[in-house]
Amino acid sequence: MTSNVAYRLNHDQDSTSASDGISRYGAYLRLNAHKFAAAFEYANAADFAAVAFEVATAPIMTPAYAQEHRRIITTRLAPFSEHLIARVELVTGRPDALRAPAFRGESRWYGWPTSASAFGAHSYLPDSDDIAERSYLLTSTTAHFALTAAELPLPAGPDDEIELHAMRALEIVIDQLNDVLNPIIAALERDGMGAR
């Protein structure tokens, strides 16, 4: 993404790539319906929303329905009481001590690798093949925060319009994530803290 929005839903690809002709996300929800069992067993809207988000993101959906900003490496949501506990790792620039010539890409150390996506270049953790070719010095920061589960929907069970409720839960979670993360991403972008 070129903007400072942490997450946005890829509606175009969801409908045009849908195997059922309606929603690719809906098809993935049906394939992963078993993941919602605990949410129904304990009547926990936070648990339901965490699974709805998990299904909408990689590695389950690739490309993801919930597309993240290029600086977001991982986002994990865990239900806790009436909250979702978020853990988000973001790419940052190197601190001054690690910007010296000995740590720049033309020498031994490389920054975050990127790959192309529908929303532009995206940083990713290098795999073993990447590391066999070069060494990486990766800098990041991790944000831990709580999201409220007060307005999250919870279907009565697996036959209660699960796709509709999951979509609504996903929209609420993304709005809350964006409220917290957008200012952080904007600050990193504004301060020239490059992703590489």
N, C-alpha and C. Protein backbone atom coordinates (compact mmCIF):
# COMPACT_ATOMS: atom_id res chain seq x y z
N MET A 1 0.84 -1.18 0.00
CA MET A 1 0.00 0.00 0.00
C MET A 1 0.87 1.23 0.00
N THR A 2 0.45 2.22 -0.70
CA THR A 2 1.23 3.44 -0.70
C THR A 2 0.74 4.42 0.36
N SER A 3 -0.46 4.25 0.86
CA SER A 3 -0.98 5.14 1.90
C SER A 3 -0.50 4.66 3.26
N ASN A 4 -0.91 5.37 4.29
CA ASN A 4 -0.53 5.01 5.65
C ASN A 4 -1.60 4.17 6.35
N VAL A 5 -2.45 3.51 5.58
CA VAL A 5 -3.50 2.66 6.14
C VAL A 5 -2.91 1.30 6.46
N ALA A 6 -3.08 0.85 7.69
CA ALA A 6 -2.52 -0.43 8.12
C ALA A 6 -3.18 -1.60 7.40
N TYR A 7 -4.50 -1.63 7.37
CA TYR A 7 -5.24 -2.72 6.74
C TYR A 7 -6.37 -2.18 5.89
N ARG A 8 -6.62 -2.87 4.78
CA ARG A 8 -7.82 -2.61 4.00
C ARG A 8 -8.25 -3.91 3.34
N LEU A 9 -9.54 -4.00 3.08
CA LEU A 9 -10.09 -5.20 2.48
C LEU A 9 -10.01 -5.11 0.95
N ASN A 10 -9.58 -6.18 0.35
CA ASN A 10 -9.43 -6.25 -1.10
C ASN A 10 -10.74 -6.78 -1.71
N HIS A 11 -11.75 -5.91 -1.75
CA HIS A 11 -13.08 -6.30 -2.24
C HIS A 11 -13.05 -6.74 -3.69
N ASP A 12 -12.27 -6.05 -4.52
CA ASP A 12 -12.24 -6.37 -5.95
C ASP A 12 -11.80 -7.80 -6.19
N GLN A 13 -10.68 -8.18 -5.61
CA GLN A 13 -10.18 -9.53 -5.81
C GLN A 13 -11.09 -10.56 -5.15
N ASP A 14 -11.72 -10.18 -4.04
CA ASP A 14 -12.60 -11.11 -3.35
C ASP A 14 -13.75 -11.55 -4.24
N SER A 15 -14.32 -10.63 -4.99
CA SER A 15 -15.45 -11.00 -5.84
C SER A 15 -15.01 -11.58 -7.18
N THR A 16 -13.96 -11.01 -7.78
CA THR A 16 -13.55 -11.49 -9.11
C THR A 16 -12.86 -12.85 -9.06
N SER A 17 -12.24 -13.21 -7.94
CA SER A 17 -11.53 -14.49 -7.81
C SER A 17 -12.32 -15.53 -7.02
N ALA A 18 -13.58 -15.27 -6.76
CA ALA A 18 -14.39 -16.17 -5.93
C ALA A 18 -14.74 -17.44 -6.67
N SER A 19 -14.42 -18.58 -6.08
CA SER A 19 -14.74 -19.87 -6.69
C SER A 19 -16.25 -20.11 -6.71
N ASP A 20 -16.96 -19.48 -5.77
CA ASP A 20 -18.42 -19.65 -5.74
C ASP A 20 -19.14 -18.52 -6.48
N GLY A 21 -18.36 -17.63 -7.09
CA GLY A 21 -18.93 -16.51 -7.82
C GLY A 21 -19.42 -15.38 -6.94
N ILE A 22 -19.28 -15.50 -5.63
CA ILE A 22 -19.77 -14.48 -4.70
C ILE A 22 -18.63 -13.87 -3.89
N SER A 23 -17.93 -14.72 -3.11
CA SER A 23 -16.90 -14.21 -2.21
C SER A 23 -15.81 -15.26 -1.99
N ARG A 24 -14.60 -14.91 -2.32
CA ARG A 24 -13.46 -15.79 -2.05
C ARG A 24 -13.29 -15.98 -0.54
N TYR A 25 -13.45 -14.89 0.22
CA TYR A 25 -13.38 -14.96 1.68
C TYR A 25 -14.44 -15.91 2.22
N GLY A 26 -15.65 -15.83 1.70
CA GLY A 26 -16.71 -16.73 2.12
C GLY A 26 -16.34 -18.18 1.89
N ALA A 27 -15.72 -18.48 0.76
CA ALA A 27 -15.30 -19.86 0.47
C ALA A 27 -14.25 -20.32 1.47
N TYR A 28 -13.30 -19.45 1.81
CA TYR A 28 -12.28 -19.80 2.80
C TYR A 28 -12.88 -19.97 4.20
N LEU A 29 -13.89 -19.18 4.52
CA LEU A 29 -14.57 -19.35 5.81
C LEU A 29 -15.21 -20.73 5.90
N ARG A 30 -15.85 -21.16 4.82
CA ARG A 30 -16.48 -22.48 4.82
C ARG A 30 -15.44 -23.59 4.94
N LEU A 31 -14.29 -23.41 4.27
CA LEU A 31 -13.22 -24.41 4.36
C LEU A 31 -12.61 -24.49 5.76
N ASN A 32 -12.68 -23.39 6.50
CA ASN A 32 -12.07 -23.32 7.83
C ASN A 32 -13.10 -23.20 8.94
N ALA A 33 -14.32 -23.64 8.69
CA ALA A 33 -15.41 -23.52 9.68
C ALA A 33 -15.06 -24.19 11.00
N HIS A 34 -14.27 -25.25 10.97
CA HIS A 34 -13.89 -25.96 12.20
C HIS A 34 -13.13 -25.07 13.18
N LYS A 35 -12.47 -24.02 12.67
CA LYS A 35 -11.69 -23.12 13.54
C LYS A 35 -12.58 -22.29 14.48
N PHE A 36 -13.87 -22.20 14.15
CA PHE A 36 -14.80 -21.41 14.97
C PHE A 36 -15.40 -22.21 16.12
N ALA A 37 -15.06 -23.48 16.26
CA ALA A 37 -15.69 -24.35 17.27
C ALA A 37 -15.59 -23.78 18.68
N ALA A 38 -14.43 -23.30 19.09
CA ALA A 38 -14.26 -22.77 20.45
C ALA A 38 -15.10 -21.52 20.66
N ALA A 39 -15.21 -20.68 19.64
CA ALA A 39 -16.03 -19.47 19.76
C ALA A 39 -17.48 -19.82 20.03
N PHE A 40 -17.97 -20.85 19.36
CA PHE A 40 -19.36 -21.26 19.58
C PHE A 40 -19.52 -21.97 20.92
N GLU A 41 -18.55 -22.79 21.28
CA GLU A 41 -18.63 -23.54 22.53
C GLU A 41 -18.67 -22.61 23.75
N TYR A 42 -17.85 -21.55 23.71
CA TYR A 42 -17.76 -20.64 24.85
C TYR A 42 -18.52 -19.33 24.64
N ALA A 43 -19.24 -19.22 23.52
CA ALA A 43 -20.00 -18.01 23.19
C ALA A 43 -19.12 -16.77 23.34
N ASN A 44 -17.99 -16.79 22.64
CA ASN A 44 -16.99 -15.74 22.78
C ASN A 44 -16.82 -14.98 21.46
N ALA A 45 -17.31 -13.74 21.43
CA ALA A 45 -17.22 -12.92 20.23
C ALA A 45 -15.77 -12.57 19.88
N ALA A 46 -14.93 -12.41 20.88
CA ALA A 46 -13.52 -12.10 20.62
C ALA A 46 -12.83 -13.26 19.91
N ASP A 47 -13.12 -14.47 20.35
CA ASP A 47 -12.57 -15.66 19.71
C ASP A 47 -13.06 -15.76 18.27
N PHE A 48 -14.34 -15.51 18.05
CA PHE A 48 -14.91 -15.54 16.71
C PHE A 48 -14.21 -14.53 15.80
N ALA A 49 -14.01 -13.31 16.28
CA ALA A 49 -13.36 -12.26 15.49
C ALA A 49 -11.90 -12.60 15.19
N ALA A 50 -11.21 -13.19 16.16
CA ALA A 50 -9.80 -13.56 15.94
C ALA A 50 -9.70 -14.58 14.81
N VAL A 51 -10.61 -15.54 14.77
CA VAL A 51 -10.60 -16.54 13.70
C VAL A 51 -10.99 -15.89 12.37
N ALA A 52 -11.99 -15.01 12.38
CA ALA A 52 -12.40 -14.32 11.15
C ALA A 52 -11.21 -13.55 10.56
N PHE A 53 -10.41 -12.91 11.41
CA PHE A 53 -9.22 -12.18 10.95
C PHE A 53 -8.15 -13.16 10.45
N GLU A 54 -7.93 -14.24 11.19
CA GLU A 54 -6.92 -15.22 10.80
C GLU A 54 -7.21 -15.79 9.41
N VAL A 55 -8.46 -16.10 9.14
CA VAL A 55 -8.83 -16.66 7.84
C VAL A 55 -8.63 -15.64 6.72
N ALA A 56 -8.81 -14.36 7.00
CA ALA A 56 -8.71 -13.31 5.98
C ALA A 56 -7.28 -12.91 5.65
N THR A 57 -6.31 -13.45 6.38
CA THR A 57 -4.91 -13.05 6.19
C THR A 57 -4.05 -14.25 5.81
N ALA A 58 -2.83 -13.95 5.36
CA ALA A 58 -1.87 -15.01 5.04
C ALA A 58 -1.42 -15.66 6.35
N PRO A 59 -1.12 -16.92 6.39
CA PRO A 59 -0.94 -17.79 5.24
C PRO A 59 -2.21 -18.50 4.78
N ILE A 60 -3.34 -18.34 5.46
CA ILE A 60 -4.55 -19.04 5.02
C ILE A 60 -5.01 -18.52 3.66
N MET A 61 -5.19 -17.22 3.54
CA MET A 61 -5.57 -16.63 2.25
C MET A 61 -4.35 -15.94 1.65
N THR A 62 -3.92 -16.44 0.51
CA THR A 62 -2.81 -15.82 -0.21
C THR A 62 -3.19 -15.71 -1.67
N PRO A 63 -3.37 -14.51 -2.20
CA PRO A 63 -3.24 -13.24 -1.50
C PRO A 63 -4.34 -13.06 -0.47
N ALA A 64 -4.01 -12.28 0.53
CA ALA A 64 -4.93 -12.07 1.66
C ALA A 64 -6.11 -11.20 1.25
N TYR A 65 -7.24 -11.45 1.89
CA TYR A 65 -8.39 -10.57 1.73
C TYR A 65 -8.18 -9.29 2.53
N ALA A 66 -7.63 -9.42 3.74
CA ALA A 66 -7.27 -8.27 4.56
C ALA A 66 -5.81 -7.93 4.25
N GLN A 67 -5.61 -6.98 3.35
CA GLN A 67 -4.27 -6.61 2.90
C GLN A 67 -3.63 -5.65 3.90
N GLU A 68 -2.38 -5.95 4.26
CA GLU A 68 -1.69 -5.12 5.24
C GLU A 68 -0.70 -4.17 4.56
N HIS A 69 -0.38 -3.10 5.29
CA HIS A 69 0.64 -2.14 4.85
C HIS A 69 1.98 -2.87 4.73
N ARG A 70 2.83 -2.37 3.86
CA ARG A 70 4.13 -3.02 3.61
C ARG A 70 5.00 -3.12 4.86
N ARG A 71 4.76 -2.30 5.85
CA ARG A 71 5.56 -2.33 7.07
C ARG A 71 5.12 -3.41 8.05
N ILE A 72 3.93 -3.96 7.88
CA ILE A 72 3.43 -4.96 8.82
C ILE A 72 3.99 -6.32 8.44
N ILE A 73 4.71 -6.93 9.38
CA ILE A 73 5.28 -8.25 9.17
C ILE A 73 4.32 -9.32 9.67
N THR A 74 3.85 -9.16 10.89
CA THR A 74 2.88 -10.11 11.44
C THR A 74 1.88 -9.37 12.32
N THR A 75 0.67 -9.91 12.35
CA THR A 75 -0.35 -9.45 13.28
C THR A 75 -0.99 -10.69 13.87
N ARG A 76 -1.00 -10.77 15.17
CA ARG A 76 -1.63 -11.89 15.88
C ARG A 76 -2.67 -11.32 16.82
N LEU A 77 -3.85 -11.92 16.80
CA LEU A 77 -4.93 -11.52 17.69
C LEU A 77 -5.28 -12.70 18.59
N ALA A 78 -5.39 -12.44 19.88
CA ALA A 78 -5.74 -13.49 20.84
C ALA A 78 -6.88 -12.99 21.71
N PRO A 79 -7.94 -13.80 21.85
CA PRO A 79 -9.05 -13.38 22.70
C PRO A 79 -8.66 -13.39 24.16
N PHE A 80 -9.13 -12.39 24.87
CA PHE A 80 -8.91 -12.32 26.32
C PHE A 80 -10.10 -11.59 26.93
N SER A 81 -10.97 -12.32 27.61
CA SER A 81 -12.15 -11.74 28.25
C SER A 81 -12.96 -10.98 27.20
N GLU A 82 -13.18 -9.71 27.42
CA GLU A 82 -13.96 -8.88 26.50
C GLU A 82 -13.05 -8.08 25.55
N HIS A 83 -11.87 -8.62 25.30
CA HIS A 83 -10.90 -7.92 24.45
C HIS A 83 -10.26 -8.87 23.46
N LEU A 84 -9.62 -8.27 22.48
CA LEU A 84 -8.68 -8.97 21.62
C LEU A 84 -7.32 -8.36 21.92
N ILE A 85 -6.35 -9.18 22.23
CA ILE A 85 -4.99 -8.69 22.46
C ILE A 85 -4.25 -8.78 21.14
N ALA A 86 -3.79 -7.64 20.66
CA ALA A 86 -3.09 -7.57 19.38
C ALA A 86 -1.59 -7.50 19.60
N ARG A 87 -0.86 -8.22 18.76
CA ARG A 87 0.60 -8.15 18.72
C ARG A 87 0.97 -7.94 17.27
N VAL A 88 1.51 -6.74 16.96
CA VAL A 88 1.81 -6.37 15.58
C VAL A 88 3.29 -6.00 15.46
N GLU A 89 3.99 -6.71 14.58
CA GLU A 89 5.40 -6.40 14.33
C GLU A 89 5.49 -5.57 13.05
N LEU A 90 6.19 -4.42 13.15
CA LEU A 90 6.32 -3.51 12.03
C LEU A 90 7.80 -3.28 11.68
N VAL A 91 8.05 -3.15 10.39
CA VAL A 91 9.39 -2.82 9.89
C VAL A 91 9.72 -1.39 10.27
N THR A 92 10.93 -1.18 10.78
CA THR A 92 11.41 0.18 11.05
C THR A 92 12.74 0.37 10.33
N GLY A 93 13.18 1.61 10.27
CA GLY A 93 14.50 1.87 9.76
C GLY A 93 15.54 1.52 10.81
N ARG A 94 16.77 1.46 10.37
CA ARG A 94 17.85 1.14 11.32
C ARG A 94 18.16 2.33 12.22
N PRO A 95 18.49 2.07 13.46
CA PRO A 95 18.95 3.16 14.32
C PRO A 95 20.29 3.70 13.80
N ASP A 96 20.63 4.90 14.21
CA ASP A 96 21.84 5.56 13.71
C ASP A 96 23.09 4.68 13.82
N ALA A 97 23.23 3.97 14.91
CA ALA A 97 24.42 3.15 15.12
C ALA A 97 24.58 2.07 14.05
N LEU A 98 23.46 1.68 13.43
CA LEU A 98 23.52 0.63 12.41
C LEU A 98 23.35 1.16 10.99
N ARG A 99 23.54 2.49 10.82
CA ARG A 99 23.46 3.08 9.49
C ARG A 99 24.84 3.36 8.89
N ALA A 100 25.87 3.02 9.61
CA ALA A 100 27.24 3.23 9.14
C ALA A 100 27.48 2.41 7.88
N PRO A 101 28.47 2.78 7.07
CA PRO A 101 28.74 2.05 5.83
C PRO A 101 28.90 0.54 6.02
N ALA A 102 29.44 0.11 7.14
CA ALA A 102 29.64 -1.32 7.36
C ALA A 102 28.32 -2.10 7.45
N PHE A 103 27.22 -1.38 7.65
CA PHE A 103 25.93 -2.05 7.80
C PHE A 103 24.98 -1.80 6.63
N ARG A 104 25.46 -1.15 5.57
CA ARG A 104 24.60 -0.86 4.42
C ARG A 104 24.58 -2.03 3.45
N GLY A 105 23.58 -2.04 2.60
CA GLY A 105 23.37 -3.12 1.65
C GLY A 105 24.53 -3.45 0.74
N GLU A 106 25.35 -2.44 0.39
CA GLU A 106 26.46 -2.72 -0.52
C GLU A 106 27.58 -3.50 0.17
N SER A 107 27.50 -3.65 1.47
CA SER A 107 28.49 -4.45 2.19
C SER A 107 27.85 -5.78 2.55
N ARG A 108 28.12 -6.27 3.71
CA ARG A 108 27.64 -7.59 4.10
C ARG A 108 26.17 -7.63 4.47
N TRP A 109 25.63 -6.58 5.05
CA TRP A 109 24.30 -6.63 5.63
C TRP A 109 23.24 -6.01 4.73
N TYR A 110 22.15 -6.72 4.53
CA TYR A 110 21.03 -6.24 3.74
C TYR A 110 19.84 -5.99 4.67
N GLY A 111 18.97 -5.08 4.24
CA GLY A 111 17.76 -4.78 5.00
C GLY A 111 16.63 -5.72 4.62
N TRP A 112 15.43 -5.33 4.96
CA TRP A 112 14.24 -6.15 4.73
C TRP A 112 14.07 -6.42 3.24
N PRO A 113 13.92 -7.68 2.85
CA PRO A 113 13.60 -7.97 1.45
C PRO A 113 12.13 -7.63 1.19
N THR A 114 11.80 -7.35 -0.07
CA THR A 114 10.42 -7.03 -0.43
C THR A 114 9.98 -7.89 -1.61
N SER A 115 8.68 -8.07 -1.69
CA SER A 115 8.08 -8.76 -2.83
C SER A 115 6.91 -7.91 -3.32
N ALA A 116 6.55 -8.09 -4.58
CA ALA A 116 5.44 -7.33 -5.15
C ALA A 116 4.12 -7.93 -4.69
N SER A 117 3.13 -7.05 -4.49
CA SER A 117 1.78 -7.49 -4.19
C SER A 117 0.81 -6.55 -4.90
N ALA A 118 -0.45 -6.84 -4.79
CA ALA A 118 -1.47 -6.01 -5.43
C ALA A 118 -1.42 -4.57 -4.91
N PHE A 119 -0.88 -4.37 -3.71
CA PHE A 119 -0.83 -3.04 -3.11
C PHE A 119 0.60 -2.49 -3.04
N GLY A 120 1.48 -2.98 -3.90
CA GLY A 120 2.86 -2.48 -3.93
C GLY A 120 3.83 -3.42 -3.24
N ALA A 121 5.05 -2.95 -3.04
CA ALA A 121 6.08 -3.77 -2.41
C ALA A 121 5.71 -4.07 -0.96
N HIS A 122 6.03 -5.28 -0.54
CA HIS A 122 5.72 -5.70 0.82
C HIS A 122 6.95 -6.35 1.43
N SER A 123 7.32 -5.94 2.62
CA SER A 123 8.47 -6.51 3.32
C SER A 123 8.11 -7.89 3.85
N TYR A 124 9.10 -8.77 3.87
CA TYR A 124 8.86 -10.11 4.40
C TYR A 124 10.12 -10.63 5.08
N LEU A 125 9.92 -11.61 5.96
CA LEU A 125 11.06 -12.24 6.63
C LEU A 125 11.80 -13.11 5.62
N PRO A 126 13.10 -12.97 5.50
CA PRO A 126 13.84 -13.80 4.54
C PRO A 126 13.80 -15.26 4.93
N ASP A 127 13.73 -16.12 3.93
CA ASP A 127 13.74 -17.56 4.21
C ASP A 127 15.17 -18.09 4.09
N SER A 128 15.34 -19.37 4.24
CA SER A 128 16.67 -19.98 4.23
C SER A 128 17.39 -19.75 2.90
N ASP A 129 16.66 -19.80 1.79
CA ASP A 129 17.27 -19.55 0.48
C ASP A 129 17.85 -18.13 0.41
N ASP A 130 17.07 -17.16 0.91
CA ASP A 130 17.55 -15.77 0.92
C ASP A 130 18.81 -15.64 1.78
N ILE A 131 18.77 -16.24 2.96
CA ILE A 131 19.87 -16.09 3.91
C ILE A 131 21.12 -16.81 3.43
N ALA A 132 20.97 -17.88 2.65
CA ALA A 132 22.13 -18.57 2.09
C ALA A 132 22.88 -17.68 1.11
N GLU A 133 22.18 -16.73 0.48
CA GLU A 133 22.80 -15.83 -0.49
C GLU A 133 23.39 -14.57 0.14
N ARG A 134 22.80 -14.10 1.22
CA ARG A 134 23.27 -12.86 1.86
C ARG A 134 22.82 -12.80 3.30
N SER A 135 23.46 -11.92 4.06
CA SER A 135 23.13 -11.74 5.48
C SER A 135 22.19 -10.55 5.62
N TYR A 136 21.27 -10.65 6.56
CA TYR A 136 20.27 -9.61 6.78
C TYR A 136 20.38 -9.06 8.18
N LEU A 137 20.25 -7.74 8.29
CA LEU A 137 20.17 -7.05 9.56
C LEU A 137 18.82 -6.34 9.57
N LEU A 138 17.85 -6.94 10.24
CA LEU A 138 16.47 -6.48 10.18
C LEU A 138 16.08 -5.77 11.47
N THR A 139 15.50 -4.60 11.34
CA THR A 139 15.05 -3.87 12.51
C THR A 139 13.53 -3.73 12.45
N SER A 140 12.92 -3.87 13.62
CA SER A 140 11.46 -3.78 13.70
C SER A 140 11.07 -3.33 15.09
N THR A 141 9.79 -3.04 15.23
CA THR A 141 9.23 -2.73 16.53
C THR A 141 7.93 -3.52 16.66
N THR A 142 7.57 -3.84 17.88
CA THR A 142 6.36 -4.61 18.11
C THR A 142 5.41 -3.82 18.99
N ALA A 143 4.18 -3.69 18.51
CA ALA A 143 3.13 -3.00 19.28
C ALA A 143 2.22 -4.05 19.90
N HIS A 144 1.99 -3.94 21.20
CA HIS A 144 1.05 -4.80 21.92
C HIS A 144 -0.07 -3.90 22.45
N PHE A 145 -1.31 -4.22 22.14
CA PHE A 145 -2.42 -3.39 22.60
C PHE A 145 -3.71 -4.20 22.60
N ALA A 146 -4.72 -3.66 23.26
CA ALA A 146 -6.02 -4.34 23.36
C ALA A 146 -7.04 -3.66 22.45
N LEU A 147 -7.86 -4.50 21.83
CA LEU A 147 -9.01 -4.03 21.06
C LEU A 147 -10.25 -4.45 21.84
N THR A 148 -11.28 -3.64 21.79
CA THR A 148 -12.50 -3.99 22.51
C THR A 148 -13.35 -4.96 21.69
N ALA A 149 -13.96 -5.88 22.37
CA ALA A 149 -14.83 -6.86 21.72
C ALA A 149 -16.30 -6.54 21.94
N ALA A 150 -16.59 -5.40 22.54
CA ALA A 150 -17.96 -5.07 22.95
C ALA A 150 -18.96 -5.11 21.81
N GLU A 151 -18.59 -4.64 20.62
CA GLU A 151 -19.55 -4.56 19.51
C GLU A 151 -19.38 -5.68 18.50
N LEU A 152 -18.53 -6.63 18.78
CA LEU A 152 -18.30 -7.73 17.83
C LEU A 152 -19.50 -8.67 17.78
N PRO A 153 -19.85 -9.10 16.58
CA PRO A 153 -20.98 -10.04 16.47
C PRO A 153 -20.57 -11.45 16.85
N LEU A 154 -21.55 -12.24 17.23
CA LEU A 154 -21.33 -13.65 17.52
C LEU A 154 -22.54 -14.43 17.03
N PRO A 155 -22.37 -15.22 15.98
CA PRO A 155 -23.50 -16.03 15.53
C PRO A 155 -23.89 -17.05 16.60
N ALA A 156 -25.12 -17.52 16.52
CA ALA A 156 -25.61 -18.51 17.49
C ALA A 156 -24.95 -19.86 17.28
N GLY A 157 -24.46 -20.09 16.10
CA GLY A 157 -23.80 -21.36 15.78
C GLY A 157 -23.36 -21.39 14.33
N PRO A 158 -22.81 -22.50 13.87
CA PRO A 158 -22.26 -22.57 12.52
C PRO A 158 -23.28 -22.39 11.41
N ASP A 159 -24.57 -22.51 11.71
CA ASP A 159 -25.60 -22.35 10.68
C ASP A 159 -26.25 -20.97 10.70
N ASP A 160 -25.73 -20.07 11.53
CA ASP A 160 -26.32 -18.73 11.69
C ASP A 160 -25.55 -17.68 10.90
N GLU A 161 -25.65 -17.73 9.58
CA GLU A 161 -25.04 -16.73 8.69
C GLU A 161 -23.60 -16.41 9.10
N ILE A 162 -22.79 -17.43 9.23
CA ILE A 162 -21.41 -17.27 9.69
C ILE A 162 -20.62 -16.30 8.81
N GLU A 163 -20.84 -16.33 7.50
CA GLU A 163 -20.09 -15.45 6.60
C GLU A 163 -20.43 -13.98 6.83
N LEU A 164 -21.71 -13.71 7.00
CA LEU A 164 -22.14 -12.33 7.26
C LEU A 164 -21.56 -11.81 8.58
N HIS A 165 -21.63 -12.63 9.62
CA HIS A 165 -21.09 -12.23 10.93
C HIS A 165 -19.56 -12.09 10.90
N ALA A 166 -18.90 -13.00 10.19
CA ALA A 166 -17.42 -12.93 10.08
C ALA A 166 -17.00 -11.66 9.35
N MET A 167 -17.72 -11.32 8.29
CA MET A 167 -17.39 -10.09 7.54
C MET A 167 -17.56 -8.87 8.44
N ARG A 168 -18.64 -8.82 9.21
CA ARG A 168 -18.86 -7.68 10.12
C ARG A 168 -17.78 -7.63 11.20
N ALA A 169 -17.43 -8.78 11.76
CA ALA A 169 -16.37 -8.82 12.78
C ALA A 169 -15.05 -8.35 12.18
N LEU A 170 -14.75 -8.79 10.98
CA LEU A 170 -13.50 -8.40 10.32
C LEU A 170 -13.46 -6.89 10.10
N GLU A 171 -14.56 -6.31 9.66
CA GLU A 171 -14.60 -4.85 9.44
C GLU A 171 -14.35 -4.09 10.74
N ILE A 172 -14.96 -4.55 11.84
CA ILE A 172 -14.79 -3.88 13.13
C ILE A 172 -13.34 -4.00 13.60
N VAL A 173 -12.76 -5.20 13.49
CA VAL A 173 -11.37 -5.41 13.92
C VAL A 173 -10.42 -4.54 13.09
N ILE A 174 -10.62 -4.49 11.79
CA ILE A 174 -9.74 -3.68 10.93
C ILE A 174 -9.88 -2.20 11.26
N ASP A 175 -11.09 -1.73 11.52
CA ASP A 175 -11.26 -0.33 11.92
C ASP A 175 -10.47 -0.03 13.19
N GLN A 176 -10.54 -0.94 14.17
CA GLN A 176 -9.82 -0.73 15.43
C GLN A 176 -8.30 -0.82 15.23
N LEU A 177 -7.85 -1.80 14.44
CA LEU A 177 -6.41 -1.90 14.15
C LEU A 177 -5.92 -0.63 13.47
N ASN A 178 -6.67 -0.14 12.50
CA ASN A 178 -6.27 1.07 11.78
C ASN A 178 -6.22 2.28 12.70
N ASP A 179 -7.17 2.39 13.63
CA ASP A 179 -7.16 3.51 14.58
C ASP A 179 -5.85 3.56 15.36
N VAL A 180 -5.34 2.39 15.75
CA VAL A 180 -4.11 2.34 16.55
C VAL A 180 -2.87 2.42 15.66
N LEU A 181 -2.86 1.68 14.56
CA LEU A 181 -1.64 1.52 13.77
C LEU A 181 -1.38 2.63 12.75
N ASN A 182 -2.42 3.25 12.22
CA ASN A 182 -2.21 4.27 11.19
C ASN A 182 -1.28 5.40 11.65
N PRO A 183 -1.44 5.94 12.86
CA PRO A 183 -0.52 7.00 13.29
C PRO A 183 0.93 6.50 13.43
N ILE A 184 1.11 5.25 13.83
CA ILE A 184 2.46 4.69 13.95
C ILE A 184 3.09 4.58 12.58
N ILE A 185 2.35 4.05 11.62
CA ILE A 185 2.86 3.90 10.26
C ILE A 185 3.15 5.27 9.66
N ALA A 186 2.26 6.24 9.86
CA ALA A 186 2.47 7.59 9.34
C ALA A 186 3.75 8.19 9.90
N ALA A 187 3.99 7.99 11.19
CA ALA A 187 5.21 8.52 11.81
C ALA A 187 6.45 7.88 11.21
N LEU A 188 6.42 6.56 11.02
CA LEU A 188 7.57 5.88 10.43
C LEU A 188 7.82 6.35 9.00
N GLU A 189 6.77 6.53 8.24
CA GLU A 189 6.90 7.00 6.86
C GLU A 189 7.40 8.45 6.83
N ARG A 190 6.86 9.29 7.69
CA ARG A 190 7.21 10.71 7.73
C ARG A 190 8.67 10.93 8.14
N ASP A 191 9.13 10.11 9.06
CA ASP A 191 10.49 10.27 9.56
C ASP A 191 11.52 9.61 8.67
N GLY A 192 11.08 9.09 7.54
CA GLY A 192 12.03 8.50 6.61
C GLY A 192 12.65 7.21 7.11
N MET A 193 11.95 6.54 8.00
CA MET A 193 12.45 5.28 8.51
C MET A 193 12.18 4.21 7.45
N GLY A 194 13.05 4.11 6.48
CA GLY A 194 12.84 3.24 5.34
C GLY A 194 12.66 1.80 5.70
N ALA A 195 11.90 1.10 4.85
CA ALA A 195 11.65 -0.31 5.08
C ALA A 195 12.86 -1.16 4.73
N ARG A 196 13.82 -0.62 4.00
CA ARG A 196 14.95 -1.43 3.57
C ARG A 196 16.21 -1.02 4.28
